[in-house]
mmCIF file of all heavy atoms, coordinates in Angstrom:
data_MODEL
# 
_entry.id   MODEL 
# 
loop_
_atom_site.group_PDB 
_atom_site.id 
_atom_site.type_symbol 
_atom_site.label_atom_id 
_atom_site.label_alt_id 
_atom_site.label_comp_id 
_atom_site.label_asym_id 
_atom_site.label_entity_id 
_atom_site.label_seq_id 
_atom_site.pdbx_PDB_ins_code 
_atom_site.Cartn_x 
_atom_site.Cartn_y 
_atom_site.Cartn_z 
_atom_site.occupancy 
_atom_site.B_iso_or_equiv 
_atom_site.pdbx_formal_charge 
_atom_site.auth_seq_id 
_atom_site.auth_comp_id 
_atom_site.auth_asym_id 
_atom_site.auth_atom_id 
_atom_site.pdbx_PDB_model_num 
ATOM 1   N N   . ARG A 1 1  ? -0.409 -7.233  1.040   1.00 0.00 ? 1  ARG A N   1 
ATOM 2   C CA  . ARG A 1 1  ? -0.355 -5.982  1.748   1.00 0.00 ? 1  ARG A CA  1 
ATOM 3   C C   . ARG A 1 1  ? 0.838  -5.939  2.725   1.00 0.00 ? 1  ARG A C   1 
ATOM 4   O O   . ARG A 1 1  ? 1.416  -4.863  2.936   1.00 0.00 ? 1  ARG A O   1 
ATOM 5   C CB  . ARG A 1 1  ? -1.731 -5.779  2.533   1.00 0.00 ? 1  ARG A CB  1 
ATOM 6   C CG  . ARG A 1 1  ? -2.839 -5.345  1.626   1.00 0.00 ? 1  ARG A CG  1 
ATOM 7   C CD  . ARG A 1 1  ? -4.156 -5.177  2.429   1.00 0.00 ? 1  ARG A CD  1 
ATOM 8   N NE  . ARG A 1 1  ? -3.992 -4.204  3.451   1.00 0.00 ? 1  ARG A NE  1 
ATOM 9   C CZ  . ARG A 1 1  ? -4.101 -2.871  3.249   1.00 0.00 ? 1  ARG A CZ  1 
ATOM 10  N NH1 . ARG A 1 1  ? -4.418 -2.432  2.082   1.00 0.00 ? 1  ARG A NH1 1 
ATOM 11  N NH2 . ARG A 1 1  ? -4.048 -2.008  4.278   1.00 0.00 ? 1  ARG A NH2 1 
ATOM 12  N N   . VAL A 1 2  ? 1.116  -7.099  3.324   1.00 0.00 ? 2  VAL A N   1 
ATOM 13  C CA  . VAL A 1 2  ? 2.297  -7.128  4.219   1.00 0.00 ? 2  VAL A CA  1 
ATOM 14  C C   . VAL A 1 2  ? 3.573  -6.758  3.412   1.00 0.00 ? 2  VAL A C   1 
ATOM 15  O O   . VAL A 1 2  ? 4.422  -6.031  3.925   1.00 0.00 ? 2  VAL A O   1 
ATOM 16  C CB  . VAL A 1 2  ? 2.444  -8.540  4.876   1.00 0.00 ? 2  VAL A CB  1 
ATOM 17  C CG1 . VAL A 1 2  ? 3.737  -8.597  5.690   1.00 0.00 ? 2  VAL A CG1 1 
ATOM 18  C CG2 . VAL A 1 2  ? 1.234  -8.789  5.773   1.00 0.00 ? 2  VAL A CG2 1 
ATOM 19  N N   . LEU A 1 3  ? 3.646  -7.328  2.254   1.00 0.00 ? 3  LEU A N   1 
ATOM 20  C CA  . LEU A 1 3  ? 4.864  -7.067  1.393   1.00 0.00 ? 3  LEU A CA  1 
ATOM 21  C C   . LEU A 1 3  ? 4.905  -5.592  0.959   1.00 0.00 ? 3  LEU A C   1 
ATOM 22  O O   . LEU A 1 3  ? 5.981  -5.004  1.031   1.00 0.00 ? 3  LEU A O   1 
ATOM 23  C CB  . LEU A 1 3  ? 4.838  -8.027  0.202   1.00 0.00 ? 3  LEU A CB  1 
ATOM 24  C CG  . LEU A 1 3  ? 4.950  -9.511  0.491   1.00 0.00 ? 3  LEU A CG  1 
ATOM 25  C CD1 . LEU A 1 3  ? 4.752  -10.336 -0.760  1.00 0.00 ? 3  LEU A CD1 1 
ATOM 26  C CD2 . LEU A 1 3  ? 6.323  -9.813  1.129   1.00 0.00 ? 3  LEU A CD2 1 
ATOM 27  N N   . THR A 1 4  ? 3.820  -5.086  0.522   1.00 0.00 ? 4  THR A N   1 
ATOM 28  C CA  . THR A 1 4  ? 3.828  -3.658  0.098   1.00 0.00 ? 4  THR A CA  1 
ATOM 29  C C   . THR A 1 4  ? 4.014  -2.743  1.264   1.00 0.00 ? 4  THR A C   1 
ATOM 30  O O   . THR A 1 4  ? 4.506  -1.601  1.076   1.00 0.00 ? 4  THR A O   1 
ATOM 31  C CB  . THR A 1 4  ? 2.541  -3.311  -0.663  1.00 0.00 ? 4  THR A CB  1 
ATOM 32  O OG1 . THR A 1 4  ? 1.433  -3.649  0.178   1.00 0.00 ? 4  THR A OG1 1 
ATOM 33  C CG2 . THR A 1 4  ? 2.372  -4.054  -1.977  1.00 0.00 ? 4  THR A CG2 1 
ATOM 34  N N   . GLY A 1 5  ? 3.607  -3.194  2.465   1.00 0.00 ? 5  GLY A N   1 
ATOM 35  C CA  . GLY A 1 5  ? 3.778  -2.385  3.691   1.00 0.00 ? 5  GLY A CA  1 
ATOM 36  C C   . GLY A 1 5  ? 5.256  -2.148  4.047   1.00 0.00 ? 5  GLY A C   1 
ATOM 37  O O   . GLY A 1 5  ? 5.561  -1.252  4.849   1.00 0.00 ? 5  GLY A O   1 
ATOM 38  N N   . ILE A 1 6  ? 6.101  -2.944  3.440   1.00 0.00 ? 6  ILE A N   1 
ATOM 39  C CA  . ILE A 1 6  ? 7.590  -2.697  3.698   1.00 0.00 ? 6  ILE A CA  1 
ATOM 40  C C   . ILE A 1 6  ? 8.014  -1.337  3.095   1.00 0.00 ? 6  ILE A C   1 
ATOM 41  O O   . ILE A 1 6  ? 8.890  -0.675  3.619   1.00 0.00 ? 6  ILE A O   1 
ATOM 42  C CB  . ILE A 1 6  ? 8.408  -3.818  2.994   1.00 0.00 ? 6  ILE A CB  1 
ATOM 43  C CG1 . ILE A 1 6  ? 8.084  -5.127  3.704   1.00 0.00 ? 6  ILE A CG1 1 
ATOM 44  C CG2 . ILE A 1 6  ? 9.954  -3.569  3.147   1.00 0.00 ? 6  ILE A CG2 1 
ATOM 45  C CD1 . ILE A 1 6  ? 8.693  -6.371  2.947   1.00 0.00 ? 6  ILE A CD1 1 
ATOM 46  N N   . TYR A 1 7  ? 7.306  -0.983  2.010   1.00 0.00 ? 7  TYR A N   1 
ATOM 47  C CA  . TYR A 1 7  ? 7.665  0.292   1.317   1.00 0.00 ? 7  TYR A CA  1 
ATOM 48  C C   . TYR A 1 7  ? 6.652  1.397   1.517   1.00 0.00 ? 7  TYR A C   1 
ATOM 49  O O   . TYR A 1 7  ? 7.016  2.575   1.333   1.00 0.00 ? 7  TYR A O   1 
ATOM 50  C CB  . TYR A 1 7  ? 7.833  -0.025  -0.195  1.00 0.00 ? 7  TYR A CB  1 
ATOM 51  C CG  . TYR A 1 7  ? 8.877  -1.006  -0.518  1.00 0.00 ? 7  TYR A CG  1 
ATOM 52  C CD1 . TYR A 1 7  ? 8.545  -2.395  -0.585  1.00 0.00 ? 7  TYR A CD1 1 
ATOM 53  C CD2 . TYR A 1 7  ? 10.173 -0.671  -0.763  1.00 0.00 ? 7  TYR A CD2 1 
ATOM 54  C CE1 . TYR A 1 7  ? 9.530  -3.357  -0.910  1.00 0.00 ? 7  TYR A CE1 1 
ATOM 55  C CE2 . TYR A 1 7  ? 11.202 -1.602  -1.054  1.00 0.00 ? 7  TYR A CE2 1 
ATOM 56  C CZ  . TYR A 1 7  ? 10.807 -2.941  -1.082  1.00 0.00 ? 7  TYR A CZ  1 
ATOM 57  O OH  . TYR A 1 7  ? 11.812 -3.898  -1.372  1.00 0.00 ? 7  TYR A OH  1 
ATOM 58  N N   . LEU A 1 8  ? 5.414  1.020   1.733   1.00 0.00 ? 8  LEU A N   1 
ATOM 59  C CA  . LEU A 1 8  ? 4.377  2.078   1.853   1.00 0.00 ? 8  LEU A CA  1 
ATOM 60  C C   . LEU A 1 8  ? 3.631  2.007   3.185   1.00 0.00 ? 8  LEU A C   1 
ATOM 61  O O   . LEU A 1 8  ? 3.561  0.948   3.836   1.00 0.00 ? 8  LEU A O   1 
ATOM 62  C CB  . LEU A 1 8  ? 3.335  1.830   0.728   1.00 0.00 ? 8  LEU A CB  1 
ATOM 63  C CG  . LEU A 1 8  ? 3.874  1.907   -0.739  1.00 0.00 ? 8  LEU A CG  1 
ATOM 64  C CD1 . LEU A 1 8  ? 2.800  1.413   -1.676  1.00 0.00 ? 8  LEU A CD1 1 
ATOM 65  C CD2 . LEU A 1 8  ? 4.326  3.343   -1.091  1.00 0.00 ? 8  LEU A CD2 1 
ATOM 66  N N   . ASP A 1 9  ? 3.140  3.157   3.655   1.00 0.00 ? 9  ASP A N   1 
ATOM 67  C CA  . ASP A 1 9  ? 2.377  3.245   4.869   1.00 0.00 ? 9  ASP A CA  1 
ATOM 68  C C   . ASP A 1 9  ? 0.924  2.735   4.624   1.00 0.00 ? 9  ASP A C   1 
ATOM 69  O O   . ASP A 1 9  ? 0.179  3.370   3.914   1.00 0.00 ? 9  ASP A O   1 
ATOM 70  C CB  . ASP A 1 9  ? 2.343  4.698   5.347   1.00 0.00 ? 9  ASP A CB  1 
ATOM 71  C CG  . ASP A 1 9  ? 1.612  4.858   6.668   1.00 0.00 ? 9  ASP A CG  1 
ATOM 72  O OD1 . ASP A 1 9  ? 1.126  3.860   7.237   1.00 0.00 ? 9  ASP A OD1 1 
ATOM 73  O OD2 . ASP A 1 9  ? 1.589  5.977   7.190   1.00 0.00 ? 9  ASP A OD2 1 
ATOM 74  N N   . LEU A 1 10 ? 0.645  1.594   5.176   1.00 0.00 ? 10 LEU A N   1 
ATOM 75  C CA  . LEU A 1 10 ? -0.654 0.953   4.990   1.00 0.00 ? 10 LEU A CA  1 
ATOM 76  C C   . LEU A 1 10 ? -1.790 1.773   5.584   1.00 0.00 ? 10 LEU A C   1 
ATOM 77  O O   . LEU A 1 10 ? -2.956 1.614   5.198   1.00 0.00 ? 10 LEU A O   1 
ATOM 78  C CB  . LEU A 1 10 ? -0.682 -0.461  5.556   1.00 0.00 ? 10 LEU A CB  1 
ATOM 79  C CG  . LEU A 1 10 ? 0.326  -1.459  4.923   1.00 0.00 ? 10 LEU A CG  1 
ATOM 80  C CD1 . LEU A 1 10 ? 0.209  -2.812  5.644   1.00 0.00 ? 10 LEU A CD1 1 
ATOM 81  C CD2 . LEU A 1 10 ? 0.027  -1.651  3.418   1.00 0.00 ? 10 LEU A CD2 1 
ATOM 82  N N   . ASN A 1 11 ? -1.508 2.613   6.562   1.00 0.00 ? 11 ASN A N   1 
ATOM 83  C CA  . ASN A 1 11 ? -2.536 3.338   7.255   1.00 0.00 ? 11 ASN A CA  1 
ATOM 84  C C   . ASN A 1 11 ? -2.759 4.765   6.678   1.00 0.00 ? 11 ASN A C   1 
ATOM 85  O O   . ASN A 1 11 ? -3.544 5.543   7.216   1.00 0.00 ? 11 ASN A O   1 
ATOM 86  C CB  . ASN A 1 11 ? -2.175 3.473   8.751   1.00 0.00 ? 11 ASN A CB  1 
ATOM 87  C CG  . ASN A 1 11 ? -2.070 2.110   9.447   1.00 0.00 ? 11 ASN A CG  1 
ATOM 88  O OD1 . ASN A 1 11 ? -2.944 1.276   9.234   1.00 0.00 ? 11 ASN A OD1 1 
ATOM 89  N ND2 . ASN A 1 11 ? -1.023 1.893   10.236  1.00 0.00 ? 11 ASN A ND2 1 
ATOM 90  N N   . ASN A 1 12 ? -1.968 5.078   5.664   1.00 0.00 ? 12 ASN A N   1 
ATOM 91  C CA  . ASN A 1 12 ? -2.107 6.427   5.103   1.00 0.00 ? 12 ASN A CA  1 
ATOM 92  C C   . ASN A 1 12 ? -3.140 6.315   3.952   1.00 0.00 ? 12 ASN A C   1 
ATOM 93  O O   . ASN A 1 12 ? -2.882 5.651   2.947   1.00 0.00 ? 12 ASN A O   1 
ATOM 94  C CB  . ASN A 1 12 ? -0.735 6.899   4.559   1.00 0.00 ? 12 ASN A CB  1 
ATOM 95  C CG  . ASN A 1 12 ? -0.785 8.307   4.032   1.00 0.00 ? 12 ASN A CG  1 
ATOM 96  O OD1 . ASN A 1 12 ? -1.832 8.918   3.905   1.00 0.00 ? 12 ASN A OD1 1 
ATOM 97  N ND2 . ASN A 1 12 ? 0.404  8.821   3.857   1.00 0.00 ? 12 ASN A ND2 1 
ATOM 98  N N   . PRO A 1 13 ? -4.253 7.091   4.032   1.00 0.00 ? 13 PRO A N   1 
ATOM 99  C CA  . PRO A 1 13 ? -5.275 7.075   3.001   1.00 0.00 ? 13 PRO A CA  1 
ATOM 100 C C   . PRO A 1 13 ? -4.721 7.496   1.640   1.00 0.00 ? 13 PRO A C   1 
ATOM 101 O O   . PRO A 1 13 ? -5.261 7.075   0.591   1.00 0.00 ? 13 PRO A O   1 
ATOM 102 C CB  . PRO A 1 13 ? -6.336 8.067   3.529   1.00 0.00 ? 13 PRO A CB  1 
ATOM 103 C CG  . PRO A 1 13 ? -6.092 8.164   4.995   1.00 0.00 ? 13 PRO A CG  1 
ATOM 104 C CD  . PRO A 1 13 ? -4.635 7.959   5.163   1.00 0.00 ? 13 PRO A CD  1 
ATOM 105 N N   . LYS A 1 14 ? -3.683 8.313   1.621   1.00 0.00 ? 14 LYS A N   1 
ATOM 106 C CA  . LYS A 1 14 ? -3.186 8.787   0.357   1.00 0.00 ? 14 LYS A CA  1 
ATOM 107 C C   . LYS A 1 14 ? -2.444 7.688   -0.443  1.00 0.00 ? 14 LYS A C   1 
ATOM 108 O O   . LYS A 1 14 ? -2.291 7.860   -1.662  1.00 0.00 ? 14 LYS A O   1 
ATOM 109 C CB  . LYS A 1 14 ? -2.148 9.924   0.639   1.00 0.00 ? 14 LYS A CB  1 
ATOM 110 C CG  . LYS A 1 14 ? -2.786 11.202  1.208   1.00 0.00 ? 14 LYS A CG  1 
ATOM 111 C CD  . LYS A 1 14 ? -1.771 12.290  1.456   1.00 0.00 ? 14 LYS A CD  1 
ATOM 112 C CE  . LYS A 1 14 ? -2.407 13.554  1.992   1.00 0.00 ? 14 LYS A CE  1 
ATOM 113 N NZ  . LYS A 1 14 ? -1.366 14.613  2.255   1.00 0.00 ? 14 LYS A NZ  1 
ATOM 114 N N   . THR A 1 15 ? -2.043 6.643   0.252   1.00 0.00 ? 15 THR A N   1 
ATOM 115 C CA  . THR A 1 15 ? -1.339 5.564   -0.461  1.00 0.00 ? 15 THR A CA  1 
ATOM 116 C C   . THR A 1 15 ? -2.270 4.364   -0.792  1.00 0.00 ? 15 THR A C   1 
ATOM 117 O O   . THR A 1 15 ? -1.830 3.375   -1.332  1.00 0.00 ? 15 THR A O   1 
ATOM 118 C CB  . THR A 1 15 ? -0.157 5.045   0.354   1.00 0.00 ? 15 THR A CB  1 
ATOM 119 O OG1 . THR A 1 15 ? -0.640 4.515   1.581   1.00 0.00 ? 15 THR A OG1 1 
ATOM 120 C CG2 . THR A 1 15 ? 0.830  6.175   0.576   1.00 0.00 ? 15 THR A CG2 1 
ATOM 121 N N   . ALA A 1 16 ? -3.562 4.515   -0.470  1.00 0.00 ? 16 ALA A N   1 
ATOM 122 C CA  . ALA A 1 16 ? -4.490 3.399   -0.599  1.00 0.00 ? 16 ALA A CA  1 
ATOM 123 C C   . ALA A 1 16 ? -4.578 2.875   -2.057  1.00 0.00 ? 16 ALA A C   1 
ATOM 124 O O   . ALA A 1 16 ? -4.524 1.691   -2.347  1.00 0.00 ? 16 ALA A O   1 
ATOM 125 C CB  . ALA A 1 16 ? -5.885 3.804   -0.159  1.00 0.00 ? 16 ALA A CB  1 
ATOM 126 N N   . SER A 1 17 ? -4.662 3.802   -3.035  1.00 0.00 ? 17 SER A N   1 
ATOM 127 C CA  . SER A 1 17 ? -4.758 3.395   -4.401  1.00 0.00 ? 17 SER A CA  1 
ATOM 128 C C   . SER A 1 17 ? -3.458 2.760   -4.895  1.00 0.00 ? 17 SER A C   1 
ATOM 129 O O   . SER A 1 17 ? -3.506 1.853   -5.735  1.00 0.00 ? 17 SER A O   1 
ATOM 130 C CB  . SER A 1 17 ? -5.148 4.599   -5.288  1.00 0.00 ? 17 SER A CB  1 
ATOM 131 O OG  . SER A 1 17 ? -4.225 5.639   -5.179  1.00 0.00 ? 17 SER A OG  1 
ATOM 132 N N   . ILE A 1 18 ? -2.338 3.275   -4.404  1.00 0.00 ? 18 ILE A N   1 
ATOM 133 C CA  . ILE A 1 18 ? -1.036 2.728   -4.795  1.00 0.00 ? 18 ILE A CA  1 
ATOM 134 C C   . ILE A 1 18 ? -0.908 1.305   -4.259  1.00 0.00 ? 18 ILE A C   1 
ATOM 135 O O   . ILE A 1 18 ? -0.458 0.396   -4.996  1.00 0.00 ? 18 ILE A O   1 
ATOM 136 C CB  . ILE A 1 18 ? 0.104  3.601   -4.253  1.00 0.00 ? 18 ILE A CB  1 
ATOM 137 C CG1 . ILE A 1 18 ? 0.045  5.022   -4.828  1.00 0.00 ? 18 ILE A CG1 1 
ATOM 138 C CG2 . ILE A 1 18 ? 1.483  2.958   -4.626  1.00 0.00 ? 18 ILE A CG2 1 
ATOM 139 C CD1 . ILE A 1 18 ? 1.066  5.981   -4.261  1.00 0.00 ? 18 ILE A CD1 1 
ATOM 140 N N   . ILE A 1 19 ? -1.299 1.084   -3.019  1.00 0.00 ? 19 ILE A N   1 
ATOM 141 C CA  . ILE A 1 19 ? -1.215 -0.209  -2.400  1.00 0.00 ? 19 ILE A CA  1 
ATOM 142 C C   . ILE A 1 19 ? -2.138 -1.198  -3.158  1.00 0.00 ? 19 ILE A C   1 
ATOM 143 O O   . ILE A 1 19 ? -1.767 -2.321  -3.425  1.00 0.00 ? 19 ILE A O   1 
ATOM 144 C CB  . ILE A 1 19 ? -1.645 -0.140  -0.914  1.00 0.00 ? 19 ILE A CB  1 
ATOM 145 C CG1 . ILE A 1 19 ? -0.559 0.625   -0.111  1.00 0.00 ? 19 ILE A CG1 1 
ATOM 146 C CG2 . ILE A 1 19 ? -1.856 -1.539  -0.325  1.00 0.00 ? 19 ILE A CG2 1 
ATOM 147 C CD1 . ILE A 1 19 ? -0.980 0.986   1.248   1.00 0.00 ? 19 ILE A CD1 1 
ATOM 148 N N   . ALA A 1 20 ? -3.348 -0.723  -3.548  1.00 0.00 ? 20 ALA A N   1 
ATOM 149 C CA  . ALA A 1 20 ? -4.277 -1.599  -4.275  1.00 0.00 ? 20 ALA A CA  1 
ATOM 150 C C   . ALA A 1 20 ? -3.632 -2.064  -5.640  1.00 0.00 ? 20 ALA A C   1 
ATOM 151 O O   . ALA A 1 20 ? -3.695 -3.211  -5.980  1.00 0.00 ? 20 ALA A O   1 
ATOM 152 C CB  . ALA A 1 20 ? -5.555 -0.873  -4.512  1.00 0.00 ? 20 ALA A CB  1 
ATOM 153 N N   . LEU A 1 21 ? -2.986 -1.114  -6.322  1.00 0.00 ? 21 LEU A N   1 
ATOM 154 C CA  . LEU A 1 21 ? -2.398 -1.440  -7.601  1.00 0.00 ? 21 LEU A CA  1 
ATOM 155 C C   . LEU A 1 21 ? -1.173 -2.302  -7.405  1.00 0.00 ? 21 LEU A C   1 
ATOM 156 O O   . LEU A 1 21 ? -0.948 -3.289  -8.181  1.00 0.00 ? 21 LEU A O   1 
ATOM 157 C CB  . LEU A 1 21 ? -2.045 -0.160  -8.370  1.00 0.00 ? 21 LEU A CB  1 
ATOM 158 C CG  . LEU A 1 21 ? -1.524 -0.337  -9.760  1.00 0.00 ? 21 LEU A CG  1 
ATOM 159 C CD1 . LEU A 1 21 ? -2.469 -1.176  -10.630 1.00 0.00 ? 21 LEU A CD1 1 
ATOM 160 C CD2 . LEU A 1 21 ? -1.239 1.018   -10.409 1.00 0.00 ? 21 LEU A CD2 1 
ATOM 161 N N   . SER A 1 22 ? -0.348 -2.039  -6.420  1.00 0.00 ? 22 SER A N   1 
ATOM 162 C CA  . SER A 1 22 ? 0.832  -2.895  -6.079  1.00 0.00 ? 22 SER A CA  1 
ATOM 163 C C   . SER A 1 22 ? 0.345  -4.298  -5.809  1.00 0.00 ? 22 SER A C   1 
ATOM 164 O O   . SER A 1 22 ? 1.005  -5.303  -6.233  1.00 0.00 ? 22 SER A O   1 
ATOM 165 C CB  . SER A 1 22 ? 1.562  -2.356  -4.892  1.00 0.00 ? 22 SER A CB  1 
ATOM 166 O OG  . SER A 1 22 ? 2.195  -1.110  -5.215  1.00 0.00 ? 22 SER A OG  1 
ATOM 167 N N   . THR A 1 23 ? -0.733 -4.451  -5.121  1.00 0.00 ? 23 THR A N   1 
ATOM 168 C CA  . THR A 1 23 ? -1.273 -5.766  -4.763  1.00 0.00 ? 23 THR A CA  1 
ATOM 169 C C   . THR A 1 23 ? -1.684 -6.503  -6.003  1.00 0.00 ? 23 THR A C   1 
ATOM 170 O O   . THR A 1 23 ? -1.404 -7.717  -6.152  1.00 0.00 ? 23 THR A O   1 
ATOM 171 C CB  . THR A 1 23 ? -2.486 -5.596  -3.814  1.00 0.00 ? 23 THR A CB  1 
ATOM 172 O OG1 . THR A 1 23 ? -2.059 -4.950  -2.585  1.00 0.00 ? 23 THR A OG1 1 
ATOM 173 C CG2 . THR A 1 23 ? -3.122 -6.943  -3.519  1.00 0.00 ? 23 THR A CG2 1 
ATOM 174 N N   . THR A 1 24 ? -2.320 -5.800  -6.967  1.00 0.00 ? 24 THR A N   1 
ATOM 175 C CA  . THR A 1 24 ? -2.707 -6.454  -8.218  1.00 0.00 ? 24 THR A CA  1 
ATOM 176 C C   . THR A 1 24 ? -1.474 -6.851  -9.009  1.00 0.00 ? 24 THR A C   1 
ATOM 177 O O   . THR A 1 24 ? -1.461 -7.948  -9.613  1.00 0.00 ? 24 THR A O   1 
ATOM 178 C CB  . THR A 1 24 ? -3.532 -5.443  -9.068  1.00 0.00 ? 24 THR A CB  1 
ATOM 179 O OG1 . THR A 1 24 ? -4.608 -4.973  -8.320  1.00 0.00 ? 24 THR A OG1 1 
ATOM 180 C CG2 . THR A 1 24 ? -4.085 -6.134  -10.270 1.00 0.00 ? 24 THR A CG2 1 
# 
């Protein structure tokens, strides 16, 4: 999540699914 947070807003609900998939 720290790594994906470089590109995406971790606190934005709209990016939650994108962050989850990036993490996978």
